[in-house]
N, C-alpha and C. Protein backbone atom coordinates (compact mmCIF):
# COMPACT_ATOMS: atom_id res chain seq x y z
N MET A 1 133.34 122.16 64.53
CA MET A 1 134.45 121.51 63.92
C MET A 1 135.71 122.08 64.65
N ALA A 2 136.72 121.16 64.76
CA ALA A 2 137.94 121.52 65.34
C ALA A 2 138.92 121.73 64.13
N VAL A 3 140.11 122.45 64.57
CA VAL A 3 141.13 122.79 63.45
C VAL A 3 142.34 122.16 64.16
N GLY A 4 143.22 121.71 63.29
CA GLY A 4 144.61 121.14 63.74
C GLY A 4 145.57 121.08 62.62
N THR A 5 146.70 120.45 63.00
CA THR A 5 147.72 120.22 62.14
C THR A 5 148.09 118.81 61.93
N ILE A 6 148.45 118.22 60.79
CA ILE A 6 148.93 116.85 60.66
C ILE A 6 150.35 116.78 61.30
N LEU A 7 150.41 115.97 62.24
CA LEU A 7 151.61 115.87 63.03
C LEU A 7 152.61 114.90 62.02
N ARG A 8 152.02 113.84 61.73
CA ARG A 8 152.68 112.69 61.04
C ARG A 8 151.82 111.92 60.22
N PHE A 9 152.21 111.46 59.09
CA PHE A 9 151.55 110.67 58.16
C PHE A 9 152.29 109.65 57.60
N ASP A 10 152.07 108.34 57.79
CA ASP A 10 152.86 107.21 57.30
C ASP A 10 152.02 106.72 56.05
N ASP A 11 152.67 107.13 54.83
CA ASP A 11 151.95 106.79 53.53
C ASP A 11 151.94 105.37 53.28
N VAL A 12 152.77 104.68 53.85
CA VAL A 12 152.87 103.06 53.69
C VAL A 12 151.72 102.37 54.33
N ARG A 13 151.57 102.79 55.61
CA ARG A 13 150.46 102.29 56.49
C ARG A 13 149.12 102.97 56.18
N GLY A 14 149.24 104.17 55.70
CA GLY A 14 147.83 104.86 55.38
C GLY A 14 147.27 105.66 56.61
N TYR A 15 147.97 105.92 57.55
CA TYR A 15 147.43 106.65 58.70
C TYR A 15 148.26 107.70 59.27
N GLY A 16 147.81 108.39 60.18
CA GLY A 16 148.57 109.48 60.82
C GLY A 16 147.73 110.06 62.04
N PHE A 17 148.36 111.26 62.51
CA PHE A 17 147.76 111.86 63.65
C PHE A 17 147.68 113.37 63.44
N ILE A 18 146.55 113.96 63.99
CA ILE A 18 146.31 115.45 63.87
C ILE A 18 146.65 116.00 65.32
N ALA A 19 147.38 117.06 65.39
CA ALA A 19 147.48 117.80 66.68
C ALA A 19 146.45 118.90 66.64
N PRO A 20 145.53 118.97 67.74
CA PRO A 20 144.44 119.84 67.77
C PRO A 20 145.20 121.24 68.04
N ALA A 21 144.72 122.25 67.32
CA ALA A 21 145.12 123.57 67.57
C ALA A 21 145.06 124.21 68.89
N GLY A 22 143.96 123.73 69.68
CA GLY A 22 143.75 124.07 70.91
C GLY A 22 144.40 123.12 72.10
N GLY A 23 145.18 122.28 71.60
CA GLY A 23 145.94 121.41 72.54
C GLY A 23 145.04 120.14 72.78
N GLY A 24 145.52 119.13 73.58
CA GLY A 24 144.76 118.02 73.92
C GLY A 24 145.30 116.83 73.18
N GLU A 25 144.59 115.73 73.37
CA GLU A 25 145.03 114.46 72.82
C GLU A 25 145.04 114.54 71.19
N ASP A 26 146.07 113.90 70.59
CA ASP A 26 146.09 113.84 69.12
C ASP A 26 145.01 112.99 68.50
N VAL A 27 144.58 113.15 67.38
CA VAL A 27 143.46 112.46 66.80
C VAL A 27 144.07 111.67 65.60
N PHE A 28 143.60 110.33 65.55
CA PHE A 28 144.00 109.41 64.61
C PHE A 28 143.17 109.59 63.37
N PHE A 29 143.76 109.43 62.20
CA PHE A 29 143.10 109.48 60.99
C PHE A 29 143.65 108.44 60.09
N HIS A 30 142.81 107.96 59.08
CA HIS A 30 143.20 107.11 58.00
C HIS A 30 143.16 107.86 56.60
N ALA A 31 144.05 107.53 55.65
CA ALA A 31 144.13 108.17 54.59
C ALA A 31 142.78 108.32 53.86
N ASN A 32 141.92 107.16 54.00
CA ASN A 32 140.63 107.18 53.21
C ASN A 32 139.85 108.31 53.83
N ASP A 33 139.94 108.83 55.02
CA ASP A 33 139.21 109.87 55.50
C ASP A 33 139.29 111.15 54.66
N PHE A 34 140.28 111.20 53.86
CA PHE A 34 140.49 112.19 53.05
C PHE A 34 139.87 112.25 51.64
N GLY A 35 139.36 110.98 51.38
CA GLY A 35 138.74 110.72 49.95
C GLY A 35 139.62 110.99 48.85
N GLU A 36 139.18 111.84 47.90
CA GLU A 36 140.05 112.04 46.67
C GLU A 36 141.28 112.99 46.95
N HIS A 37 141.30 113.52 48.18
CA HIS A 37 142.49 114.45 48.46
C HIS A 37 143.56 113.70 49.21
N ARG A 38 143.50 112.42 49.21
CA ARG A 38 144.46 111.53 49.97
C ARG A 38 145.84 111.98 49.46
N HIS A 39 146.12 112.22 48.19
CA HIS A 39 147.40 112.63 47.65
C HIS A 39 147.98 113.81 48.29
N ALA A 40 147.29 114.72 48.91
CA ALA A 40 147.58 115.94 49.56
C ALA A 40 148.08 115.86 50.95
N ILE A 41 147.95 114.73 51.55
CA ILE A 41 148.17 114.63 52.99
C ILE A 41 149.68 114.56 53.29
N GLN A 42 150.15 115.49 54.11
CA GLN A 42 151.58 115.62 54.52
C GLN A 42 151.70 116.32 55.96
N SER A 43 152.77 116.01 56.54
CA SER A 43 153.00 116.70 57.93
C SER A 43 152.94 118.25 57.82
N GLY A 44 152.30 118.88 58.66
CA GLY A 44 152.20 120.34 58.69
C GLY A 44 151.04 120.97 58.08
N LEU A 45 150.18 120.02 57.45
CA LEU A 45 149.05 120.50 56.63
C LEU A 45 147.92 120.68 57.75
N ARG A 46 147.33 122.05 57.54
CA ARG A 46 146.24 122.42 58.47
C ARG A 46 144.89 121.80 57.93
N VAL A 47 144.11 121.24 58.91
CA VAL A 47 142.82 120.63 58.60
C VAL A 47 141.71 121.01 59.54
N ARG A 48 140.50 120.82 59.01
CA ARG A 48 139.40 121.04 59.89
C ARG A 48 138.67 119.77 60.03
N TYR A 49 138.24 119.27 61.19
CA TYR A 49 137.72 117.87 61.40
C TYR A 49 136.73 117.73 62.57
N GLU A 50 136.02 116.73 62.50
CA GLU A 50 135.15 116.41 63.61
C GLU A 50 135.73 115.02 64.22
N VAL A 51 135.53 115.02 65.54
CA VAL A 51 136.17 113.86 66.32
C VAL A 51 135.14 112.83 66.64
N ALA A 52 135.46 111.52 66.57
CA ALA A 52 134.61 110.40 67.14
C ALA A 52 135.51 109.60 68.14
N GLU A 53 134.87 108.95 69.03
CA GLU A 53 135.54 108.15 69.98
C GLU A 53 135.70 106.75 69.40
N GLY A 54 136.93 106.30 69.06
CA GLY A 54 137.15 105.00 68.65
C GLY A 54 137.50 103.97 69.65
N GLU A 55 137.64 102.74 69.23
CA GLU A 55 138.13 101.61 70.25
C GLU A 55 139.36 101.99 70.91
N ARG A 56 140.32 102.76 70.26
CA ARG A 56 141.65 102.87 70.75
C ARG A 56 141.92 104.37 71.04
N GLY A 57 140.90 105.21 71.07
CA GLY A 57 141.02 106.56 71.43
C GLY A 57 140.28 107.48 70.37
N LEU A 58 140.67 108.73 70.22
CA LEU A 58 140.06 109.71 69.43
C LEU A 58 140.41 109.40 67.95
N LYS A 59 139.36 109.49 67.06
CA LYS A 59 139.68 109.50 65.71
C LYS A 59 138.90 110.41 64.90
N VAL A 60 139.17 110.57 63.65
CA VAL A 60 138.49 111.49 62.79
C VAL A 60 137.24 110.88 62.30
N ALA A 61 136.12 111.74 62.25
CA ALA A 61 134.85 111.46 61.89
C ALA A 61 134.67 111.89 60.33
N THR A 62 135.02 113.11 60.31
CA THR A 62 135.13 113.86 58.94
C THR A 62 136.39 114.83 58.91
N VAL A 63 136.93 115.09 57.84
CA VAL A 63 138.08 116.02 57.74
C VAL A 63 138.17 116.60 56.40
N SER A 64 138.66 117.85 56.46
CA SER A 64 138.89 118.62 55.15
C SER A 64 140.06 119.48 55.35
N ILE A 65 140.67 119.66 54.28
CA ILE A 65 141.97 120.48 54.19
C ILE A 65 141.64 121.94 54.23
N LEU A 66 142.40 122.72 55.11
CA LEU A 66 142.09 124.14 55.09
C LEU A 66 142.88 124.96 54.17
N ASP A 67 144.26 124.50 54.09
CA ASP A 67 145.12 125.17 53.08
C ASP A 67 146.00 124.13 52.34
N GLN A 68 146.38 124.32 51.15
CA GLN A 68 147.03 123.34 50.49
C GLN A 68 148.58 123.27 50.75
N GLN A 69 149.03 124.38 51.47
CA GLN A 69 150.43 124.45 51.85
C GLN A 69 150.54 124.05 53.24
N PRO A 70 151.55 123.09 53.58
CA PRO A 70 151.77 122.77 54.88
C PRO A 70 152.37 123.91 55.70
N SER A 71 152.15 123.93 57.10
CA SER A 71 152.75 124.85 57.91
C SER A 71 154.25 124.62 57.92
N PRO A 72 155.17 125.63 58.32
CA PRO A 72 156.59 125.29 58.32
C PRO A 72 156.83 124.17 59.26
N ALA A 73 157.81 123.28 58.80
CA ALA A 73 158.03 122.12 59.65
C ALA A 73 158.72 122.53 60.99
N ARG A 74 158.35 121.79 61.96
CA ARG A 74 158.81 122.13 63.37
C ARG A 74 160.07 121.35 63.58
N ARG A 75 160.49 120.27 62.93
CA ARG A 75 161.55 119.52 63.22
C ARG A 75 162.78 120.19 62.59
N PRO A 76 164.01 120.05 63.21
CA PRO A 76 165.16 120.57 62.69
C PRO A 76 165.71 119.64 61.59
N ALA A 77 166.48 120.24 60.68
CA ALA A 77 167.10 119.33 59.71
C ALA A 77 168.07 118.47 60.29
N ALA A 78 168.32 117.27 59.84
CA ALA A 78 169.13 116.36 60.41
C ALA A 78 170.57 116.93 60.67
N ALA A 79 171.14 117.77 59.80
CA ALA A 79 172.41 118.34 60.04
C ALA A 79 172.33 119.14 61.26
N ASP A 80 171.31 119.98 61.29
CA ASP A 80 171.30 120.82 62.51
C ASP A 80 170.95 120.03 63.81
N GLN A 81 170.19 118.96 63.72
CA GLN A 81 169.92 118.14 64.81
C GLN A 81 171.00 117.44 65.52
N TYR A 82 172.01 117.01 64.62
CA TYR A 82 173.10 116.21 65.21
C TYR A 82 174.42 116.95 64.96
N GLY A 83 174.26 118.18 64.59
CA GLY A 83 175.61 119.03 64.15
C GLY A 83 176.36 119.34 65.37
N ASP A 84 176.86 120.70 65.28
CA ASP A 84 177.83 121.09 66.48
C ASP A 84 177.23 120.86 67.70
N ASP A 85 178.10 120.31 68.48
CA ASP A 85 177.64 120.11 69.91
C ASP A 85 178.44 121.10 70.85
N ASP A 86 177.94 122.15 71.31
CA ASP A 86 178.61 123.09 72.16
C ASP A 86 178.30 122.84 73.63
N GLY A 87 177.80 121.60 73.94
CA GLY A 87 177.64 121.21 75.37
C GLY A 87 176.33 121.72 75.92
N MET A 88 175.58 122.52 75.11
CA MET A 88 174.29 122.96 75.43
C MET A 88 173.17 122.29 74.67
N CYS A 89 171.95 122.38 75.24
CA CYS A 89 170.96 121.70 74.41
C CYS A 89 169.64 122.77 74.41
N ASP A 90 168.85 122.53 73.43
CA ASP A 90 167.75 123.37 73.27
C ASP A 90 166.62 123.03 74.35
N VAL A 91 165.98 123.95 74.83
CA VAL A 91 164.82 123.60 75.69
C VAL A 91 163.62 123.79 74.76
N LEU A 92 162.87 122.68 74.59
CA LEU A 92 161.73 122.67 73.78
C LEU A 92 160.43 123.26 74.52
N SER A 93 159.45 123.70 73.70
CA SER A 93 158.20 123.94 74.23
C SER A 93 157.53 122.46 74.50
N ALA A 94 156.51 122.58 75.46
CA ALA A 94 155.94 121.38 75.65
C ALA A 94 155.29 120.71 74.42
N ARG A 95 154.76 121.60 73.55
CA ARG A 95 154.09 121.14 72.26
C ARG A 95 155.14 120.47 71.35
N ASP A 96 156.25 120.98 71.18
CA ASP A 96 157.32 120.49 70.30
C ASP A 96 157.84 119.23 70.95
N PHE A 97 157.94 119.08 72.16
CA PHE A 97 158.53 117.94 72.93
C PHE A 97 157.56 116.77 72.69
N THR A 98 156.25 117.16 72.89
CA THR A 98 155.28 115.98 72.72
C THR A 98 155.07 115.58 71.24
N ALA A 99 155.28 116.58 70.42
CA ALA A 99 155.21 116.16 68.88
C ALA A 99 156.42 115.19 68.57
N GLU A 100 157.70 115.55 69.07
CA GLU A 100 158.81 114.73 68.91
C GLU A 100 158.54 113.32 69.44
N VAL A 101 158.05 113.29 70.66
CA VAL A 101 157.80 111.94 71.25
C VAL A 101 156.75 111.07 70.42
N THR A 102 155.67 111.97 70.06
CA THR A 102 154.59 111.12 69.17
C THR A 102 155.17 110.58 67.93
N GLU A 103 155.98 111.33 67.29
CA GLU A 103 156.70 110.82 65.99
C GLU A 103 157.53 109.57 66.38
N MET A 104 158.35 109.69 67.36
CA MET A 104 159.25 108.55 67.70
C MET A 104 158.45 107.36 68.02
N LEU A 105 157.28 107.43 68.86
CA LEU A 105 156.52 106.36 69.18
C LEU A 105 155.91 105.74 67.98
N ILE A 106 155.28 106.56 67.04
CA ILE A 106 154.65 105.96 65.91
C ILE A 106 155.59 105.27 65.02
N GLU A 107 156.79 105.85 64.80
CA GLU A 107 157.83 105.12 64.11
C GLU A 107 158.41 103.92 64.65
N HIS A 108 158.66 103.92 65.96
CA HIS A 108 159.40 102.78 66.52
C HIS A 108 158.53 101.79 67.20
N VAL A 109 157.30 102.27 67.64
CA VAL A 109 156.42 101.34 68.22
C VAL A 109 155.03 101.45 67.81
N PRO A 110 154.81 101.03 66.48
CA PRO A 110 153.48 101.31 65.81
C PRO A 110 152.39 100.57 66.33
N SER A 111 152.58 99.56 67.30
CA SER A 111 151.55 98.81 67.80
C SER A 111 150.77 99.49 69.03
N LEU A 112 151.37 100.71 69.41
CA LEU A 112 150.71 101.45 70.52
C LEU A 112 149.41 102.02 69.98
N THR A 113 148.48 102.18 70.93
CA THR A 113 147.22 102.74 70.67
C THR A 113 147.31 104.17 70.81
N GLY A 114 146.37 105.01 70.33
CA GLY A 114 146.35 106.52 70.55
C GLY A 114 146.38 106.70 72.17
N THR A 115 145.52 105.98 72.97
CA THR A 115 145.39 106.34 74.26
C THR A 115 146.84 105.93 75.01
N GLN A 116 147.47 104.85 74.50
CA GLN A 116 148.79 104.53 75.22
C GLN A 116 149.86 105.59 74.72
N ILE A 117 149.81 106.08 73.57
CA ILE A 117 150.75 107.13 73.18
C ILE A 117 150.40 108.34 74.02
N GLY A 118 149.13 108.66 74.21
CA GLY A 118 148.85 109.87 75.13
C GLY A 118 149.34 109.74 76.52
N GLN A 119 149.20 108.48 77.14
CA GLN A 119 149.74 108.14 78.43
C GLN A 119 151.28 108.20 78.51
N VAL A 120 152.00 107.57 77.57
CA VAL A 120 153.36 107.92 77.49
C VAL A 120 153.84 109.28 77.33
N ARG A 121 153.26 109.98 76.56
CA ARG A 121 153.57 111.46 76.36
C ARG A 121 153.39 112.11 77.63
N HIS A 122 152.39 111.90 78.27
CA HIS A 122 151.98 112.69 79.51
C HIS A 122 153.09 112.44 80.53
N HIS A 123 153.60 111.17 80.81
CA HIS A 123 154.57 110.82 81.76
C HIS A 123 155.92 111.34 81.25
N LEU A 124 156.26 111.27 80.16
CA LEU A 124 157.58 111.80 79.61
C LEU A 124 157.61 113.28 79.74
N LEU A 125 156.45 113.98 79.48
CA LEU A 125 156.38 115.39 79.55
C LEU A 125 156.65 115.87 81.05
N THR A 126 156.07 115.08 82.02
CA THR A 126 156.14 115.37 83.35
C THR A 126 157.58 115.11 83.79
N LEU A 127 158.25 114.08 83.24
CA LEU A 127 159.70 113.94 83.61
C LEU A 127 160.51 114.98 82.98
N ALA A 128 160.27 115.33 81.72
CA ALA A 128 160.91 116.38 81.03
C ALA A 128 160.98 117.75 81.91
N ARG A 129 159.78 118.04 82.37
CA ARG A 129 159.62 119.30 83.05
C ARG A 129 160.40 119.28 84.47
N THR A 130 160.55 118.13 85.09
CA THR A 130 161.24 118.00 86.26
C THR A 130 162.74 118.16 86.07
N HIS A 131 163.26 117.96 84.77
CA HIS A 131 164.62 118.03 84.53
C HIS A 131 164.98 119.27 83.78
N GLY A 132 163.94 120.09 83.46
CA GLY A 132 164.17 121.32 82.67
C GLY A 132 164.41 121.22 81.23
N TRP A 133 163.96 119.95 80.70
CA TRP A 133 164.14 119.69 79.32
C TRP A 133 163.18 120.53 78.45
N VAL A 134 162.04 121.03 79.08
CA VAL A 134 160.93 121.70 78.40
C VAL A 134 160.58 122.98 79.01
N ASP A 135 160.06 123.91 78.41
CA ASP A 135 159.63 125.22 79.10
C ASP A 135 158.60 124.76 80.15
N ALA A 136 158.62 125.38 81.25
CA ALA A 136 157.69 125.09 82.35
C ALA A 136 156.25 125.55 82.02
């Protein structure tokens, strides 16, 4: 079984994505996969899961919660994110950059498949590296 962290969960639509701890393509899950623990789903929660190949990419076959407390959030608070502009910008890790891209794509282009999201992330990460926006 693999271990990962819930990147994003849309409670209205009832689905989200898990970032594998070892890296690689994010894994789709539906709230029903958590059964009676559906109420505990939130970003940052560590889970153990088995993967299956779905029509649109990787999806969860089985999943269980490792701990009840989510990992510390990776996203900055809105005030910090858009606050003081000293002319400099943060250089993100590749993992943080792809997490931000994933959340943005899920929120603004929900019709994308997991495979399409993976392709977009790959090409944006390549572009970001050439511009020095992420750690090499």
